[in-house]
Amino acid sequence: MFRPWLTFAVIFLILRYSGAFNGITSFANSALMKTGLMDIDVPESRRDEKFNYNFSIKNADGQTIDMTQFKGKVVFLNLWATWCGPCVAEMPSIQNLYNKVNKDKVVFIMLNWFQQSDKVSAFINTKQYTFPIYYVNGDVPKQLNVPSIPTTFVVSPDGKIVSKKAGTANYDTEEFKTFLGSL
């Protein structure tokens, strides 16, 4: 009776600490996304929470970027990490969306919350993603201290959070692209 549980625990630990568990999670989420079950729902009513631009981030070159420079634009801000299977699973859909939108009107901020830039750069280069990657630079507003990743915020040009999605989603839908364009 004890032996099957011990075997399960050993297999789980091997998968977890070898990194294979992330691959399995990512694969499962990717398969679910292809079914359409994880398509992002366009918000029917907009939130009224103002976005706090009073913080800075760092770009891939290590330059400090003041978030206030993005006021007046639509901001697609995604909190993620390379070790997060659900984050990795939704990235192809974000890349596809990024390829389709007007980048003069929609700013993509893929904010890596936890890792050093060399590991993240290797990941991004391997996957051939072209959306801009940023890193946390000191303190961030309380509204970005989320309990789980991935979490994605969409901020309207007037500075209001119009969408907040915790968990994996497929952002590469015509409906969501139209939603971003309508802002």
Foldseek 3Di string as FASTA:
>chain_A
DVVVVVVVVVVVVCCVVVLVVLVVLLVVLLVVQVVVPFADDQDPFFDFAFADQQFWWAWLVRDIDRSVVCAQAKEKEWEDAPSHSLRNNQVVLVLLLVVPADCVRYAYEDEYEDDDSVVVVVVCVVVVRDHIYIYHDPDDDPVPPDPAPGWIFIAHNNRGTGDIDHTHHRCNDPVNSVSNVVD
